[in-house]
Amino acid sequence: MESRIPRTSAHGLHEILAGVWGSGAENFRKGWSAALGAEWGSPEFARRHAEVAGLLAETIQQVHALPAAQQDRYSRYFPQWWTAVVQPDVGWTDSGRPARVLVTQETLDHLASAADLLQGALQGTTSAPAGSNLEVLKESCASWLELLDQTADSELAPSLREEIAAQIRHLLWLIENAQLFGVARISRESTSVIGALAQASTVLTGQDPHTGGKWRRGFVSFIAASALLATGMTTLETAIESGAGVVKEITQVVESVASSAG
């Protein structure tokens, strides 16, 4: 049976911790390797475990978006969730501590409950995306990598260009690992890329209208792909219209700032 893609960061964190817990491994090291699908000590293991810490950070942040009573209820479990991720006081190779004792069933249940609550409360946002179309976003990422590669140093500083490219490659990596980290992590990372592209667009120095036009079209397409995922819009055309409106507003703000500075 095909596994479900986690809908929120809390769901992703829960599934990973449950994977370690249920791995049957003789110690934490082997349990984590099994759950993350990466060899202990490898760069990929470090990258994936670091992403788990990111899921925890996002879960904590999102709990603070809930009503006060629910915040108080679930924040009590923050230390337990954190301890399960890092296990600061025990050796990961200790054979006397099988992966089964990484976390209690009660702690997993409360995390799952928090995840379901967050999905209901934040549905249709980057924290709990209503959409599932990852292909459009993946294609937009590939187009942007190509566009950045074609952008001359005279038009955009190489350091900024490479920084954005690295962000987009990370987003593609998250898409490839959607079954592990979930769609919310992808959606939230896409908003970070949008911010980077918007900032870069304000310092694009090339006067070639062809380059500027490709950047604007690419920006609209990327916003549309992100909107499809987050909001669950049913048509790409509607998302593109929304993206075009955002780009127009950004352009007006930039022109206003530039005019004031002059």
Protein backbone atom coordinates (compact mmCIF):
# COMPACT_ATOMS: atom_id res chain seq x y z
CA MET A 1 0.00 0.00 0.00
CA GLU A 2 1.36 3.44 -0.95
CA SER A 3 2.29 5.54 2.06
CA ARG A 4 0.55 8.84 2.60
CA ILE A 5 2.45 12.10 2.32
CA PRO A 6 2.40 13.98 5.65
CA ARG A 7 0.23 17.11 5.44
CA THR A 8 1.86 19.19 8.19
CA SER A 9 5.32 19.40 9.72
CA ALA A 10 3.88 17.87 12.89
CA HIS A 11 2.58 14.91 10.88
CA GLY A 12 6.00 14.50 9.27
CA LEU A 13 7.73 14.61 12.65
CA HIS A 14 5.27 12.09 14.07
CA GLU A 15 5.76 9.64 11.19
CA ILE A 16 9.54 9.80 11.45
CA LEU A 17 9.61 9.33 15.24
CA ALA A 18 7.11 6.50 14.89
CA GLY A 19 9.40 5.00 12.26
CA VAL A 20 12.36 5.01 14.63
CA TRP A 21 10.18 3.68 17.47
CA GLY A 22 8.76 0.88 15.38
CA SER A 23 11.97 -0.07 13.56
CA GLY A 24 12.84 -2.88 15.93
CA ALA A 25 16.46 -1.69 15.87
CA GLU A 26 18.79 -2.56 18.73
CA ASN A 27 19.86 1.06 19.29
CA PHE A 28 18.98 4.62 18.35
CA ARG A 29 21.63 4.84 15.64
CA LYS A 30 20.21 1.95 13.65
CA GLY A 31 16.66 3.05 14.34
CA TRP A 32 17.28 6.53 12.97
CA SER A 33 19.14 5.15 9.94
CA ALA A 34 16.19 2.91 9.16
CA ALA A 35 13.60 5.67 9.60
CA LEU A 36 15.51 8.23 7.53
CA GLY A 37 16.69 5.79 4.88
CA ALA A 38 20.28 7.00 5.12
CA GLU A 39 23.53 5.52 6.39
CA TRP A 40 24.67 6.71 9.80
CA GLY A 41 27.58 9.16 9.54
CA SER A 42 26.89 10.01 5.90
CA PRO A 43 26.29 13.58 4.66
CA GLU A 44 22.78 12.53 3.64
CA PHE A 45 22.01 11.27 7.16
CA ALA A 46 23.15 14.59 8.63
CA ARG A 47 21.06 16.49 6.11
CA ARG A 48 17.94 14.45 6.79
CA HIS A 49 18.25 14.54 10.56
CA ALA A 50 18.80 18.31 10.43
CA GLU A 51 15.54 18.53 8.47
CA VAL A 52 13.79 16.60 11.25
CA ALA A 53 14.94 19.30 13.66
CA GLY A 54 13.38 21.80 11.24
CA LEU A 55 10.08 19.92 11.40
CA LEU A 56 10.20 20.20 15.18
CA ALA A 57 10.93 23.94 15.02
CA GLU A 58 8.02 24.50 12.64
CA THR A 59 5.69 22.41 14.80
CA ILE A 60 6.55 24.48 17.87
CA GLN A 61 6.04 27.70 15.92
CA GLN A 62 2.67 26.56 14.60
CA VAL A 63 1.39 25.46 18.01
CA HIS A 64 1.79 29.10 19.03
CA ALA A 65 -0.76 29.98 16.33
CA LEU A 66 -3.44 28.05 18.22
CA PRO A 67 -5.77 29.50 20.86
CA ALA A 68 -4.15 30.05 24.26
CA ALA A 69 -5.69 27.00 25.94
CA GLN A 70 -4.48 24.68 23.18
CA GLN A 71 -1.05 26.31 23.20
CA ASP A 72 -0.73 25.61 26.91
CA ARG A 73 -1.87 22.01 26.49
CA TYR A 74 0.52 21.05 23.70
CA SER A 75 3.52 23.18 24.71
CA ARG A 76 3.93 20.88 27.71
CA TYR A 77 5.14 18.23 25.27
CA PHE A 78 7.80 20.36 23.57
CA PRO A 79 10.63 19.02 25.79
CA GLN A 80 9.59 15.42 25.12
CA TRP A 81 9.44 15.94 21.35
CA TRP A 82 12.82 17.68 21.41
CA THR A 83 14.39 14.95 23.53
CA ALA A 84 13.11 12.30 21.12
CA VAL A 85 14.83 14.09 18.22
CA VAL A 86 18.25 14.68 19.83
CA GLN A 87 18.46 12.28 22.83
CA PRO A 88 21.04 14.51 24.58
CA ASP A 89 21.65 12.32 27.63
CA VAL A 90 22.18 8.84 26.15
CA GLY A 91 24.49 7.11 23.71
CA TRP A 92 22.94 6.37 20.35
CA THR A 93 24.85 3.07 20.14
CA ASP A 94 23.88 1.85 23.62
CA SER A 95 22.51 -1.68 23.07
CA GLY A 96 20.67 -1.37 26.37
CA ARG A 97 18.49 1.32 24.81
CA PRO A 98 16.67 -0.14 21.80
CA ALA A 99 14.96 2.22 19.37
CA ARG A 100 11.67 1.27 21.00
CA VAL A 101 12.47 3.45 24.03
CA LEU A 102 13.17 6.56 21.94
CA VAL A 103 9.71 7.88 22.73
CA THR A 104 6.57 6.71 24.51
CA GLN A 105 3.32 5.84 22.82
CA GLU A 106 1.66 8.60 24.84
CA THR A 107 4.08 11.19 23.49
CA LEU A 108 3.49 9.99 19.92
CA ASP A 109 -0.26 10.14 20.45
CA HIS A 110 -0.11 13.73 21.69
CA LEU A 111 2.06 14.70 18.73
CA ALA A 112 -0.42 13.09 16.33
CA SER A 113 -3.26 14.91 18.06
CA ALA A 114 -1.44 18.23 17.74
CA ALA A 115 -0.79 17.50 14.05
CA ASP A 116 -4.47 16.86 13.33
CA LEU A 117 -5.46 20.00 15.21
CA LEU A 118 -2.93 22.12 13.31
CA GLN A 119 -4.13 20.75 10.00
CA GLY A 120 -7.69 21.72 10.80
CA ALA A 121 -6.80 25.15 12.18
CA LEU A 122 -4.33 26.14 9.46
CA GLN A 123 -5.88 24.40 6.43
CA GLY A 124 -5.15 26.15 3.15
CA THR A 125 -1.94 27.81 4.32
CA THR A 126 1.71 26.92 3.84
CA SER A 127 1.58 25.26 7.27
CA ALA A 128 -1.21 22.90 6.19
CA PRO A 129 -1.43 22.94 2.39
CA ALA A 130 -4.76 22.05 0.82
CA GLY A 131 -3.19 21.09 -2.52
CA SER A 132 -1.07 18.17 -3.60
CA ASN A 133 0.28 19.12 -7.03
CA LEU A 134 4.04 18.96 -6.68
CA GLU A 135 4.80 18.53 -10.37
CA VAL A 136 3.97 22.13 -11.30
CA LEU A 137 6.24 23.44 -8.54
CA LYS A 138 8.98 21.00 -9.55
CA GLU A 139 8.81 22.19 -13.15
CA SER A 140 8.95 25.82 -12.04
CA CYS A 141 12.04 25.08 -9.95
CA ALA A 142 13.75 23.49 -12.95
CA SER A 143 12.87 26.51 -15.09
CA TRP A 144 14.32 28.87 -12.52
CA LEU A 145 17.58 26.96 -12.27
CA GLU A 146 17.89 27.26 -16.04
CA LEU A 147 17.02 30.96 -15.96
CA LEU A 148 19.53 31.68 -13.21
CA ASP A 149 22.20 29.84 -15.16
CA GLN A 150 21.44 32.08 -18.15
CA THR A 151 21.55 35.31 -16.12
CA ALA A 152 24.83 37.12 -16.70
CA ASP A 153 27.11 38.26 -13.87
CA SER A 154 26.61 41.82 -15.07
CA GLU A 155 22.88 41.51 -14.40
CA LEU A 156 22.94 39.73 -11.03
CA ALA A 157 25.80 39.26 -8.58
CA PRO A 158 27.08 35.66 -8.79
CA SER A 159 26.91 35.27 -4.99
CA LEU A 160 23.21 36.15 -4.96
CA ARG A 161 22.51 33.99 -7.98
CA GLU A 162 24.20 30.96 -6.40
CA GLU A 163 22.43 31.53 -3.07
CA ILE A 164 19.04 31.45 -4.79
CA ALA A 165 20.02 28.42 -6.85
CA ALA A 166 21.00 26.58 -3.65
CA GLN A 167 17.60 27.40 -2.12
CA ILE A 168 15.81 26.09 -5.18
CA ARG A 169 17.90 22.89 -5.21
CA HIS A 170 16.98 22.39 -1.56
CA LEU A 171 13.32 22.81 -2.46
CA LEU A 172 13.71 20.19 -5.20
CA TRP A 173 15.33 17.87 -2.65
CA LEU A 174 12.34 18.33 -0.35
CA ILE A 175 9.98 17.54 -3.24
CA GLU A 176 11.94 14.37 -3.96
CA ASN A 177 11.60 13.44 -0.27
CA ALA A 178 7.97 14.47 0.14
CA GLN A 179 7.02 11.06 1.54
CA LEU A 180 9.45 11.65 4.40
CA PHE A 181 9.15 15.35 5.26
CA GLY A 182 5.69 16.18 3.90
CA VAL A 183 4.09 18.89 1.79
CA ALA A 184 4.03 21.61 4.47
CA ARG A 185 7.81 21.70 4.58
CA ILE A 186 7.82 22.07 0.79
CA SER A 187 5.18 24.80 0.81
CA ARG A 188 6.91 26.84 3.50
CA GLU A 189 10.26 26.54 1.75
CA SER A 190 8.68 27.74 -1.49
CA THR A 191 7.65 30.98 0.26
CA SER A 192 11.28 31.48 1.27
CA VAL A 193 12.29 31.11 -2.36
CA ILE A 194 9.63 33.64 -3.39
CA GLY A 195 11.13 36.14 -0.96
CA ALA A 196 14.62 35.54 -2.33
CA LEU A 197 13.43 35.97 -5.93
CA ALA A 198 11.57 39.16 -5.04
CA GLN A 199 14.67 40.60 -3.40
CA ALA A 200 16.87 39.63 -6.32
CA SER A 201 14.40 41.16 -8.76
CA THR A 202 14.87 44.56 -7.11
CA VAL A 203 18.63 44.50 -7.76
CA LEU A 204 18.57 42.99 -11.24
CA THR A 205 20.73 45.49 -13.10
CA GLY A 206 20.41 44.31 -16.68
CA GLN A 207 18.58 46.67 -18.99
CA ASP A 208 17.75 43.91 -21.44
CA PRO A 209 13.92 43.83 -21.57
CA HIS A 210 14.09 40.19 -22.67
CA THR A 211 15.80 39.20 -19.42
CA GLY A 212 13.44 41.30 -17.34
CA GLY A 213 10.45 39.76 -19.07
CA LYS A 214 11.66 36.22 -18.43
CA TRP A 215 12.19 37.05 -14.75
CA ARG A 216 8.67 38.47 -14.42
CA ARG A 217 7.08 35.49 -16.15
CA GLY A 218 9.15 33.10 -14.07
CA PHE A 219 8.19 34.90 -10.88
CA VAL A 220 4.47 34.75 -11.71
CA SER A 221 4.73 31.06 -12.58
CA PHE A 222 6.53 30.24 -9.35
CA ILE A 223 4.01 32.13 -7.20
CA ALA A 224 1.21 30.33 -9.06
CA ALA A 225 2.78 26.92 -8.44
CA SER A 226 3.22 27.73 -4.76
CA ALA A 227 -0.37 28.96 -4.51
CA LEU A 228 -1.67 25.77 -6.11
CA LEU A 229 0.03 23.74 -3.40
CA ALA A 230 -0.82 25.91 -0.41
CA THR A 231 -4.39 26.92 -1.15
CA GLY A 232 -5.54 23.98 -3.23
CA MET A 233 -6.64 26.20 -6.13
CA THR A 234 -8.30 24.07 -8.75
CA THR A 235 -6.88 25.76 -11.85
CA LEU A 236 -3.45 27.02 -12.77
CA GLU A 237 -5.01 29.97 -14.59
CA THR A 238 -6.52 31.32 -11.36
CA ALA A 239 -3.20 30.91 -9.58
CA ILE A 240 -1.36 32.71 -12.38
CA GLU A 241 -3.79 35.63 -12.15
CA SER A 242 -3.09 35.85 -8.42
CA GLY A 243 0.63 35.67 -9.03
CA ALA A 244 0.48 38.44 -11.62
CA GLY A 245 -1.31 40.65 -9.11
CA VAL A 246 1.36 40.06 -6.48
CA VAL A 247 4.15 40.83 -8.93
CA LYS A 248 2.41 44.06 -9.95
CA GLU A 249 2.12 45.15 -6.32
CA ILE A 250 5.78 44.33 -5.64
CA THR A 251 6.81 46.35 -8.70
CA GLN A 252 4.77 49.33 -7.54
CA VAL A 253 6.36 49.20 -4.08
CA VAL A 254 9.87 49.00 -5.52
CA GLU A 255 9.22 51.92 -7.88
CA SER A 256 7.80 53.95 -4.99
CA VAL A 257 10.83 53.27 -2.80
CA ALA A 258 13.21 54.08 -5.64
CA SER A 259 11.34 57.33 -6.32
CA SER A 260 11.50 58.35 -2.65
CA ALA A 261 15.20 57.57 -2.48
CA GLY A 262 15.85 59.70 -5.52
